[in-house]
Protein backbone atom coordinates (compact mmCIF):
# COMPACT_ATOMS: atom_id res chain seq x y z
CA MET A 1 0.36 -0.17 -0.02
CA PHE A 2 2.72 2.60 1.23
CA SER A 3 5.21 1.95 -1.17
CA LEU A 4 2.44 2.98 -4.15
CA GLU A 5 2.15 6.61 -2.85
CA ARG A 6 5.71 6.53 -2.64
CA GLY A 7 5.67 5.94 -6.44
CA GLU A 8 8.05 2.75 -5.70
CA LYS A 9 7.70 -0.23 -7.69
CA PRO A 10 5.24 -2.35 -5.90
CA MET A 11 7.67 -5.60 -6.95
CA ASP A 12 9.77 -4.09 -4.38
CA ASP A 13 9.25 -4.97 -1.26
CA SER A 14 6.24 -6.79 -1.75
CA SER A 15 7.60 -10.67 -1.31
CA PRO A 16 8.52 -10.08 2.27
CA GLN A 17 5.23 -7.36 2.68
CA LYS A 18 3.31 -10.31 1.60
CA GLU A 19 4.40 -13.22 3.75
CA GLY A 20 3.30 -10.41 7.28
CA SER A 21 0.22 -9.14 6.13
CA GLN A 22 -0.43 -13.43 6.16
CA ALA A 23 0.55 -13.99 9.07
CA GLN A 24 -1.10 -11.13 9.82
CA ALA A 25 -4.29 -12.06 8.48
CA LYS A 26 -4.51 -15.04 10.08
CA PHE A 27 -3.27 -13.57 13.08
CA ASN A 28 -6.44 -11.70 13.17
CA TYR A 29 -9.05 -13.80 11.46
CA ARG A 30 -7.96 -15.93 14.82
CA LEU A 31 -9.00 -13.01 16.79
CA GLU A 32 -11.82 -12.47 15.43
CA GLN A 33 -12.39 -15.72 15.76
CA ALA A 34 -11.44 -15.40 19.26
CA ALA A 35 -14.05 -12.37 20.05
CA VAL A 36 -16.75 -14.11 18.15
CA PHE A 37 -16.63 -16.80 20.51
CA GLY A 38 -15.89 -14.67 23.87
CA TYR A 39 -18.70 -13.00 22.85
CA LEU A 40 -21.36 -15.91 22.76
CA PHE A 41 -19.08 -17.12 25.70
CA PHE A 42 -20.40 -14.26 28.03
CA ALA A 43 -23.08 -13.91 26.09
CA CYS A 44 -24.59 -17.46 27.31
CA LEU A 45 -23.28 -17.36 30.25
CA PRO A 46 -26.24 -16.04 32.37
CA ALA A 47 -28.17 -18.81 30.62
CA LEU A 48 -25.80 -21.78 32.13
CA ILE A 49 -25.86 -20.58 35.62
CA PRO A 50 -28.49 -21.71 37.67
CA GLU A 51 -30.50 -19.19 39.54
CA LYS A 52 -31.06 -19.66 43.12
């Protein structure tokens, strides 16, 4: 993204950046999965706890 704005060729530094963005995307995906799971867990928590 930034290489295009500076006027450099995108092929110069895209190969190491692509691996980083792939790892970042995988991390963001896991983070999103954990966030959804945590939200569902805490949303169902009051129903799981028996009321006295």
